[in-house]
């Protein structure tokens, strides 16, 4: 048995412009898109095709009566986790954590070859509320910006 593939058709179906158009027309939730993906430039790889495929697969699985878990990740944060935010692309996780006496904001790298680990941890004076994180530019450099609310009580106020 000999299978022949039309090379023109193969290249046409892998054209990033077609997949960009599909991506624009989708009316379902998209998987996290890394912020460095330039949608205006001709992409030489198949990232747009993969985004469309992942979005449709995820939507199909989500609507099943018994969705299938493709993968799960658990790791020891070594402290009590109060809140978490996953950044777009799924590579970094920001967590509000605490030990018995102190509060911290921690940045975890989830995509490391040896497994998830903490990249940075900063002590903060009180518990972080409404933790937010996103990619943005600061002084012309791409950074992860973290924002949170904290409660500072006046003297004599209730302690918690």
N, C-alpha and C. Protein backbone atom coordinates (compact mmCIF):
# COMPACT_ATOMS: atom_id res chain seq x y z
N UNK A 1 0.84 -1.17 0.00
CA UNK A 1 0.00 0.00 0.00
C UNK A 1 0.89 1.24 0.00
N UNK A 2 0.62 2.13 -0.90
CA UNK A 2 1.42 3.35 -1.03
C UNK A 2 0.50 4.56 -0.84
N UNK A 3 0.83 5.37 0.16
CA UNK A 3 0.05 6.59 0.40
C UNK A 3 0.80 7.78 -0.17
N UNK A 4 0.08 8.60 -0.88
CA UNK A 4 0.68 9.81 -1.43
C UNK A 4 0.02 11.01 -0.78
N UNK A 5 0.84 12.01 -0.49
CA UNK A 5 0.34 13.23 0.12
C UNK A 5 0.62 14.38 -0.84
N UNK A 6 -0.39 15.18 -1.04
CA UNK A 6 -0.23 16.35 -1.86
C UNK A 6 0.55 17.38 -1.03
N UNK A 7 1.77 17.68 -1.42
CA UNK A 7 2.63 18.58 -0.64
C UNK A 7 2.04 19.99 -0.55
N UNK A 8 1.41 20.42 -1.63
CA UNK A 8 0.79 21.74 -1.62
C UNK A 8 -0.31 21.79 -0.55
N UNK A 9 -1.16 20.77 -0.51
CA UNK A 9 -2.24 20.72 0.46
C UNK A 9 -1.67 20.62 1.88
N UNK A 10 -0.63 19.84 2.06
CA UNK A 10 0.03 19.71 3.37
C UNK A 10 0.52 21.07 3.85
N UNK A 11 1.24 21.79 3.00
CA UNK A 11 1.77 23.10 3.39
C UNK A 11 0.65 24.11 3.61
N UNK A 12 -0.39 24.04 2.81
CA UNK A 12 -1.52 24.95 2.97
C UNK A 12 -2.20 24.75 4.32
N UNK A 13 -2.39 23.50 4.72
CA UNK A 13 -3.08 23.23 6.00
C UNK A 13 -2.20 23.54 7.20
N UNK A 14 -0.91 23.73 7.00
CA UNK A 14 -0.01 24.09 8.09
C UNK A 14 0.41 25.56 8.02
N UNK A 15 -0.27 26.33 7.22
CA UNK A 15 0.03 27.75 7.08
C UNK A 15 -0.44 28.49 8.33
N UNK A 16 0.46 29.20 9.03
CA UNK A 16 0.08 29.90 10.27
C UNK A 16 -1.06 30.90 10.08
N UNK A 17 -1.14 31.53 8.92
CA UNK A 17 -2.19 32.52 8.69
C UNK A 17 -3.58 31.89 8.80
N UNK A 18 -3.75 30.68 8.31
CA UNK A 18 -5.04 29.99 8.39
C UNK A 18 -5.39 29.71 9.86
N UNK A 19 -4.39 29.25 10.62
CA UNK A 19 -4.63 28.92 12.02
C UNK A 19 -4.85 30.18 12.85
N UNK A 20 -4.23 31.28 12.48
CA UNK A 20 -4.49 32.56 13.16
C UNK A 20 -5.95 32.96 12.97
N UNK A 21 -6.44 32.75 11.77
CA UNK A 21 -7.83 33.08 11.46
C UNK A 21 -8.79 32.20 12.27
N UNK A 22 -8.48 30.88 12.34
CA UNK A 22 -9.29 29.98 13.18
C UNK A 22 -9.29 30.47 14.63
N UNK A 23 -8.12 30.88 15.10
CA UNK A 23 -7.97 31.34 16.48
C UNK A 23 -8.85 32.56 16.74
N UNK A 24 -8.93 33.47 15.78
CA UNK A 24 -9.76 34.66 15.92
C UNK A 24 -11.25 34.32 15.93
N UNK A 25 -11.63 33.28 15.20
CA UNK A 25 -13.03 32.92 15.06
C UNK A 25 -13.55 32.00 16.17
N UNK A 26 -12.67 31.42 16.96
CA UNK A 26 -13.10 30.50 18.01
C UNK A 26 -13.93 31.23 19.05
N UNK A 27 -14.99 30.61 19.48
CA UNK A 27 -15.86 31.17 20.51
C UNK A 27 -15.84 30.28 21.75
N UNK A 28 -14.70 29.71 22.03
CA UNK A 28 -14.51 28.88 23.21
C UNK A 28 -13.29 29.41 23.97
N UNK A 29 -13.15 29.07 25.25
CA UNK A 29 -11.98 29.54 26.00
C UNK A 29 -10.68 29.03 25.39
N UNK A 30 -9.71 29.90 25.34
CA UNK A 30 -8.40 29.52 24.80
C UNK A 30 -7.45 29.12 25.92
N UNK A 31 -6.53 28.22 25.62
CA UNK A 31 -5.51 27.92 26.64
C UNK A 31 -4.64 29.15 26.86
N UNK A 32 -3.92 29.19 27.97
CA UNK A 32 -3.07 30.36 28.22
C UNK A 32 -2.07 30.57 27.08
N UNK A 33 -1.98 31.80 26.61
CA UNK A 33 -1.07 32.14 25.52
C UNK A 33 0.08 32.93 26.10
N UNK A 34 1.28 32.53 25.75
CA UNK A 34 2.44 33.25 26.27
C UNK A 34 2.45 34.66 25.70
N UNK A 35 2.82 35.66 26.49
CA UNK A 35 2.73 37.04 26.03
C UNK A 35 3.75 37.39 24.95
N UNK A 36 4.79 36.59 24.78
CA UNK A 36 5.80 36.89 23.77
C UNK A 36 5.41 36.36 22.39
N UNK A 37 4.26 35.68 22.29
CA UNK A 37 3.81 35.19 20.99
C UNK A 37 3.32 36.37 20.17
N UNK A 38 4.01 36.65 19.09
CA UNK A 38 3.67 37.80 18.25
C UNK A 38 2.68 37.34 17.19
N UNK A 39 1.44 37.79 17.33
CA UNK A 39 0.39 37.35 16.41
C UNK A 39 0.46 38.05 15.06
N UNK A 40 1.22 39.11 14.97
CA UNK A 40 1.26 39.86 13.72
C UNK A 40 2.36 39.37 12.78
N UNK A 41 3.34 38.67 13.30
CA UNK A 41 4.47 38.22 12.50
C UNK A 41 4.21 36.81 11.98
N UNK A 42 4.67 36.53 10.79
CA UNK A 42 4.55 35.20 10.21
C UNK A 42 5.33 34.22 11.07
N UNK A 43 4.65 33.25 11.61
CA UNK A 43 5.30 32.27 12.48
C UNK A 43 5.80 31.11 11.65
N UNK A 44 7.01 30.67 11.93
CA UNK A 44 7.57 29.56 11.17
C UNK A 44 7.23 28.22 11.81
N UNK A 45 6.82 28.24 13.06
CA UNK A 45 6.45 26.99 13.71
C UNK A 45 4.94 26.83 13.69
N UNK A 46 4.44 25.87 14.44
CA UNK A 46 3.02 25.53 14.38
C UNK A 46 2.30 25.91 15.67
N UNK A 47 2.72 27.01 16.29
CA UNK A 47 2.12 27.39 17.57
C UNK A 47 0.62 27.71 17.44
N UNK A 48 0.23 28.36 16.38
CA UNK A 48 -1.18 28.72 16.22
C UNK A 48 -2.03 27.47 16.01
N UNK A 49 -1.52 26.54 15.22
CA UNK A 49 -2.21 25.27 15.01
C UNK A 49 -2.36 24.53 16.35
N UNK A 50 -1.31 24.53 17.15
CA UNK A 50 -1.36 23.85 18.45
C UNK A 50 -2.35 24.54 19.39
N UNK A 51 -2.40 25.87 19.36
CA UNK A 51 -3.35 26.59 20.21
C UNK A 51 -4.80 26.24 19.87
N UNK A 52 -5.11 26.21 18.57
CA UNK A 52 -6.46 25.86 18.14
C UNK A 52 -6.78 24.42 18.54
N UNK A 53 -5.86 23.51 18.28
CA UNK A 53 -6.07 22.09 18.62
C UNK A 53 -6.27 21.89 20.11
N UNK A 54 -5.45 22.57 20.92
CA UNK A 54 -5.57 22.44 22.37
C UNK A 54 -6.90 23.00 22.87
N UNK A 55 -7.30 24.14 22.31
CA UNK A 55 -8.56 24.77 22.75
C UNK A 55 -9.75 23.86 22.45
N UNK A 56 -9.78 23.30 21.25
CA UNK A 56 -10.90 22.42 20.87
C UNK A 56 -10.88 21.14 21.69
N UNK A 57 -9.70 20.56 21.89
CA UNK A 57 -9.59 19.33 22.70
C UNK A 57 -10.04 19.58 24.13
N UNK A 58 -9.61 20.71 24.69
CA UNK A 58 -9.99 21.04 26.06
C UNK A 58 -11.49 21.24 26.18
N UNK A 59 -12.08 21.94 25.23
CA UNK A 59 -13.53 22.18 25.25
C UNK A 59 -14.30 20.87 25.14
N UNK A 60 -13.87 19.98 24.23
CA UNK A 60 -14.52 18.68 24.08
C UNK A 60 -14.43 17.87 25.37
N UNK A 61 -13.25 17.85 25.96
CA UNK A 61 -13.06 17.09 27.20
C UNK A 61 -13.89 17.69 28.33
N UNK A 62 -13.93 19.01 28.43
CA UNK A 62 -14.65 19.68 29.50
C UNK A 62 -16.15 19.39 29.44
N UNK A 63 -16.70 19.25 28.24
CA UNK A 63 -18.13 19.03 28.09
C UNK A 63 -18.55 17.57 28.23
N UNK A 64 -17.58 16.66 28.30
CA UNK A 64 -17.90 15.24 28.51
C UNK A 64 -18.55 15.06 29.87
N UNK A 65 -19.34 14.00 29.98
CA UNK A 65 -19.96 13.71 31.26
C UNK A 65 -18.90 13.33 32.29
N UNK A 66 -17.86 12.65 31.87
CA UNK A 66 -16.74 12.29 32.74
C UNK A 66 -15.44 12.76 32.08
N UNK A 67 -15.03 14.02 32.33
CA UNK A 67 -13.80 14.52 31.72
C UNK A 67 -12.58 13.70 32.14
N UNK A 68 -11.62 13.59 31.24
CA UNK A 68 -10.39 12.86 31.50
C UNK A 68 -9.31 13.83 31.97
N UNK A 69 -8.65 13.48 33.06
CA UNK A 69 -7.54 14.30 33.55
C UNK A 69 -6.29 13.87 32.79
N UNK A 70 -5.73 14.78 32.01
CA UNK A 70 -4.55 14.45 31.20
C UNK A 70 -3.29 14.43 32.06
N UNK A 71 -3.16 15.38 32.96
CA UNK A 71 -2.01 15.39 33.86
C UNK A 71 -2.35 16.22 35.09
N UNK A 72 -1.65 15.94 36.15
CA UNK A 72 -1.84 16.69 37.40
C UNK A 72 -0.47 16.89 38.02
N UNK A 73 -0.31 17.99 38.72
CA UNK A 73 0.98 18.30 39.32
C UNK A 73 0.76 18.68 40.78
N UNK A 74 1.53 18.07 41.64
CA UNK A 74 1.52 18.43 43.05
C UNK A 74 2.97 18.61 43.49
N UNK A 75 3.21 19.63 44.27
CA UNK A 75 4.56 19.81 44.80
C UNK A 75 4.47 20.45 46.17
N UNK A 76 5.50 20.25 46.95
CA UNK A 76 5.53 20.72 48.33
C UNK A 76 6.01 22.17 48.36
N UNK A 77 5.15 23.07 48.79
CA UNK A 77 5.52 24.48 48.91
C UNK A 77 6.26 24.72 50.22
N UNK A 78 6.28 23.73 51.10
CA UNK A 78 6.94 23.72 52.41
C UNK A 78 6.34 24.72 53.41
N UNK A 79 5.39 25.52 52.99
CA UNK A 79 4.69 26.45 53.87
C UNK A 79 3.19 26.39 53.55
N UNK A 80 2.37 27.03 54.36
CA UNK A 80 0.94 27.06 54.11
C UNK A 80 0.64 28.01 52.95
N UNK A 81 -0.05 27.53 51.94
CA UNK A 81 -0.40 28.34 50.77
C UNK A 81 -1.75 29.00 51.03
N UNK A 82 -1.79 30.33 50.93
CA UNK A 82 -3.01 31.10 51.17
C UNK A 82 -3.74 31.44 49.88
N UNK A 83 -2.99 31.71 48.82
CA UNK A 83 -3.58 32.08 47.53
C UNK A 83 -2.56 31.81 46.44
N UNK A 84 -3.05 31.56 45.22
CA UNK A 84 -2.15 31.29 44.09
C UNK A 84 -2.71 31.92 42.83
N UNK A 85 -1.81 32.30 41.92
CA UNK A 85 -2.18 32.77 40.59
C UNK A 85 -1.21 32.15 39.59
N UNK A 86 -1.76 31.53 38.57
CA UNK A 86 -0.96 30.95 37.49
C UNK A 86 -0.86 31.99 36.39
N UNK A 87 0.36 32.27 35.94
CA UNK A 87 0.54 33.25 34.87
C UNK A 87 0.23 32.62 33.52
N UNK A 88 -0.19 33.43 32.53
CA UNK A 88 -0.47 32.90 31.19
C UNK A 88 0.73 32.13 30.64
N UNK A 89 0.45 31.00 30.03
CA UNK A 89 1.51 30.14 29.50
C UNK A 89 1.80 28.98 30.44
N UNK A 90 1.41 29.10 31.71
CA UNK A 90 1.54 28.01 32.66
C UNK A 90 2.95 27.72 33.15
N UNK A 91 3.87 28.62 32.92
CA UNK A 91 5.27 28.37 33.30
C UNK A 91 5.58 28.86 34.72
N UNK A 92 4.88 29.89 35.18
CA UNK A 92 5.16 30.48 36.48
C UNK A 92 3.89 30.54 37.33
N UNK A 93 4.08 30.38 38.64
CA UNK A 93 3.00 30.44 39.61
C UNK A 93 3.41 31.40 40.72
N UNK A 94 2.52 32.31 41.06
CA UNK A 94 2.75 33.23 42.17
C UNK A 94 1.90 32.73 43.34
N UNK A 95 2.49 32.67 44.52
CA UNK A 95 1.75 32.18 45.68
C UNK A 95 1.94 33.10 46.88
N UNK A 96 0.86 33.26 47.63
CA UNK A 96 0.91 33.94 48.92
C UNK A 96 1.03 32.81 49.94
N UNK A 97 2.13 32.80 50.71
CA UNK A 97 2.39 31.70 51.64
C UNK A 97 2.74 32.25 53.03
N UNK A 98 2.71 31.37 54.02
CA UNK A 98 3.06 31.81 55.36
C UNK A 98 3.63 30.65 56.16
N UNK A 99 4.46 31.00 57.14
CA UNK A 99 4.89 30.02 58.13
C UNK A 99 4.16 30.38 59.43
N UNK A 100 4.67 29.98 60.55
CA UNK A 100 3.96 30.25 61.81
C UNK A 100 3.89 31.73 62.17
N UNK A 101 4.86 32.53 61.68
CA UNK A 101 4.95 33.92 62.14
C UNK A 101 5.02 34.96 61.01
N UNK A 102 5.36 34.53 59.81
CA UNK A 102 5.62 35.50 58.74
C UNK A 102 4.81 35.17 57.48
N UNK A 103 4.65 36.19 56.61
CA UNK A 103 3.96 36.04 55.33
C UNK A 103 4.95 36.30 54.21
N UNK A 104 4.73 35.63 53.06
CA UNK A 104 5.64 35.75 51.92
C UNK A 104 4.84 35.76 50.62
N UNK A 105 5.45 36.32 49.58
CA UNK A 105 5.02 36.15 48.19
C UNK A 105 6.14 35.34 47.54
N UNK A 106 5.78 34.27 46.84
CA UNK A 106 6.79 33.41 46.23
C UNK A 106 6.49 33.23 44.74
N UNK A 107 7.55 33.15 43.96
CA UNK A 107 7.46 32.89 42.52
C UNK A 107 8.01 31.50 42.28
N UNK A 108 7.15 30.62 41.73
CA UNK A 108 7.55 29.24 41.44
C UNK A 108 7.73 29.05 39.93
N UNK A 109 8.77 28.35 39.56
CA UNK A 109 9.01 27.97 38.17
C UNK A 109 8.50 26.55 38.01
N UNK A 110 7.43 26.36 37.23
CA UNK A 110 6.78 25.06 37.11
C UNK A 110 7.37 24.19 36.02
N UNK A 111 8.10 24.79 35.10
CA UNK A 111 8.58 24.09 33.91
C UNK A 111 10.03 23.64 34.02
N UNK A 112 10.58 23.60 35.19
CA UNK A 112 11.99 23.26 35.37
C UNK A 112 12.21 21.76 35.14
N UNK A 113 13.34 21.36 34.52
CA UNK A 113 13.59 19.93 34.26
C UNK A 113 13.57 19.06 35.53
N UNK A 114 13.95 19.62 36.67
CA UNK A 114 13.97 18.84 37.91
C UNK A 114 12.69 19.00 38.73
N UNK A 115 11.68 19.58 38.12
CA UNK A 115 10.41 19.76 38.82
C UNK A 115 10.24 21.17 39.33
N UNK A 116 9.05 21.51 39.78
CA UNK A 116 8.77 22.86 40.25
C UNK A 116 9.67 23.26 41.43
N UNK A 117 10.12 24.49 41.40
CA UNK A 117 10.89 25.01 42.53
C UNK A 117 10.71 26.52 42.62
N UNK A 118 11.02 27.06 43.81
CA UNK A 118 10.84 28.48 44.05
C UNK A 118 12.02 29.25 43.44
N UNK A 119 11.70 30.29 42.67
CA UNK A 119 12.72 31.17 42.08
C UNK A 119 13.03 32.34 43.00
N UNK A 120 11.98 32.87 43.64
CA UNK A 120 12.16 34.03 44.52
C UNK A 120 11.09 34.00 45.60
N UNK A 121 11.45 34.52 46.75
CA UNK A 121 10.51 34.62 47.86
C UNK A 121 10.79 35.93 48.60
N UNK A 122 9.73 36.68 48.83
CA UNK A 122 9.88 37.99 49.46
C UNK A 122 8.95 38.05 50.67
N UNK A 123 9.52 38.41 51.82
CA UNK A 123 8.70 38.54 53.01
C UNK A 123 7.89 39.83 52.94
N UNK A 124 6.62 39.75 53.35
CA UNK A 124 5.74 40.92 53.38
C UNK A 124 5.21 41.08 54.80
N UNK A 125 4.79 42.29 55.18
CA UNK A 125 4.43 42.53 56.58
C UNK A 125 3.15 41.85 57.04
N UNK A 126 2.17 41.67 56.14
CA UNK A 126 0.89 41.06 56.52
C UNK A 126 0.43 40.13 55.41
N UNK A 127 -0.68 39.47 55.64
CA UNK A 127 -1.26 38.57 54.65
C UNK A 127 -1.62 39.33 53.36
N UNK A 128 -1.37 38.71 52.20
CA UNK A 128 -1.71 39.31 50.91
C UNK A 128 -3.13 38.90 50.52
N UNK A 129 -3.95 39.87 50.18
CA UNK A 129 -5.32 39.64 49.73
C UNK A 129 -5.41 40.00 48.25
N UNK A 130 -6.31 39.35 47.54
CA UNK A 130 -6.58 39.62 46.12
C UNK A 130 -5.28 39.65 45.31
N UNK A 131 -4.52 38.61 45.42
CA UNK A 131 -3.25 38.47 44.71
C UNK A 131 -3.48 38.50 43.20
N UNK A 132 -2.70 39.31 42.49
CA UNK A 132 -2.77 39.41 41.04
C UNK A 132 -1.35 39.37 40.48
N UNK A 133 -1.21 38.83 39.28
CA UNK A 133 0.10 38.80 38.63
C UNK A 133 -0.10 38.80 37.13
N UNK A 134 0.79 39.50 36.43
CA UNK A 134 0.72 39.50 34.96
C UNK A 134 2.07 39.92 34.39
N UNK A 135 2.25 39.61 33.12
CA UNK A 135 3.44 40.03 32.40
C UNK A 135 3.22 41.47 31.94
N UNK A 136 4.26 42.28 32.04
CA UNK A 136 4.19 43.64 31.50
C UNK A 136 5.61 44.18 31.36
N UNK A 137 5.73 45.37 30.78
CA UNK A 137 7.04 46.01 30.65
C UNK A 137 7.22 47.02 31.76
N UNK A 138 8.41 47.03 32.33
CA UNK A 138 8.79 48.00 33.34
C UNK A 138 10.17 48.51 32.96
N UNK A 139 10.27 49.81 32.73
CA UNK A 139 11.52 50.43 32.27
C UNK A 139 12.05 49.71 31.03
N UNK A 140 11.12 49.45 30.10
CA UNK A 140 11.41 48.83 28.79
C UNK A 140 11.87 47.38 28.87
N UNK A 141 11.73 46.73 30.02
CA UNK A 141 12.11 45.33 30.17
C UNK A 141 10.87 44.50 30.50
N UNK A 142 10.73 43.30 29.91
CA UNK A 142 9.59 42.45 30.26
C UNK A 142 9.78 41.88 31.66
N UNK A 143 8.76 42.01 32.49
CA UNK A 143 8.82 41.55 33.89
C UNK A 143 7.50 40.88 34.26
N UNK A 144 7.51 40.21 35.39
CA UNK A 144 6.28 39.71 36.01
C UNK A 144 5.93 40.72 37.10
N UNK A 145 4.78 41.34 36.95
CA UNK A 145 4.35 42.35 37.93
C UNK A 145 3.34 41.69 38.87
N UNK A 146 3.54 41.88 40.16
CA UNK A 146 2.69 41.29 41.18
C UNK A 146 2.03 42.41 41.98
N UNK A 147 0.74 42.27 42.21
CA UNK A 147 0.00 43.26 43.01
C UNK A 147 -0.86 42.51 44.03
N UNK A 148 -1.04 43.12 45.18
CA UNK A 148 -1.90 42.53 46.20
C UNK A 148 -2.34 43.64 47.15
N UNK A 149 -3.37 43.35 47.90
CA UNK A 149 -3.84 44.26 48.95
C UNK A 149 -3.38 43.69 50.28
N UNK A 150 -3.09 44.59 51.20
CA UNK A 150 -2.76 44.15 52.56
C UNK A 150 -3.50 45.02 53.55
N UNK A 151 -3.72 44.47 54.69
CA UNK A 151 -4.44 45.18 55.73
C UNK A 151 -3.43 45.60 56.79
N UNK A 152 -3.38 46.88 57.05
CA UNK A 152 -2.51 47.40 58.09
C UNK A 152 -3.41 47.99 59.17
N UNK A 153 -3.35 47.41 60.33
CA UNK A 153 -4.22 47.84 61.43
C UNK A 153 -3.56 48.94 62.24
N UNK A 154 -4.36 49.85 62.68
CA UNK A 154 -3.84 50.90 63.56
C UNK A 154 -3.58 50.32 64.93
N UNK A 155 -2.79 51.00 65.71
CA UNK A 155 -2.47 50.52 67.04
C UNK A 155 -3.72 50.30 67.85
N UNK A 156 -3.75 49.20 68.56
CA UNK A 156 -4.90 48.88 69.40
C UNK A 156 -5.99 48.13 68.67
N UNK A 157 -5.82 47.87 67.36
CA UNK A 157 -6.82 47.16 66.58
C UNK A 157 -6.75 45.65 66.83
N UNK A 158 -7.73 44.93 66.33
CA UNK A 158 -7.72 43.48 66.54
C UNK A 158 -6.55 42.82 65.79
N UNK A 159 -5.99 41.79 66.37
CA UNK A 159 -4.87 41.09 65.75
C UNK A 159 -5.38 39.78 65.18
N UNK A 160 -4.95 39.43 63.96
CA UNK A 160 -5.29 38.14 63.35
C UNK A 160 -4.18 37.69 62.46
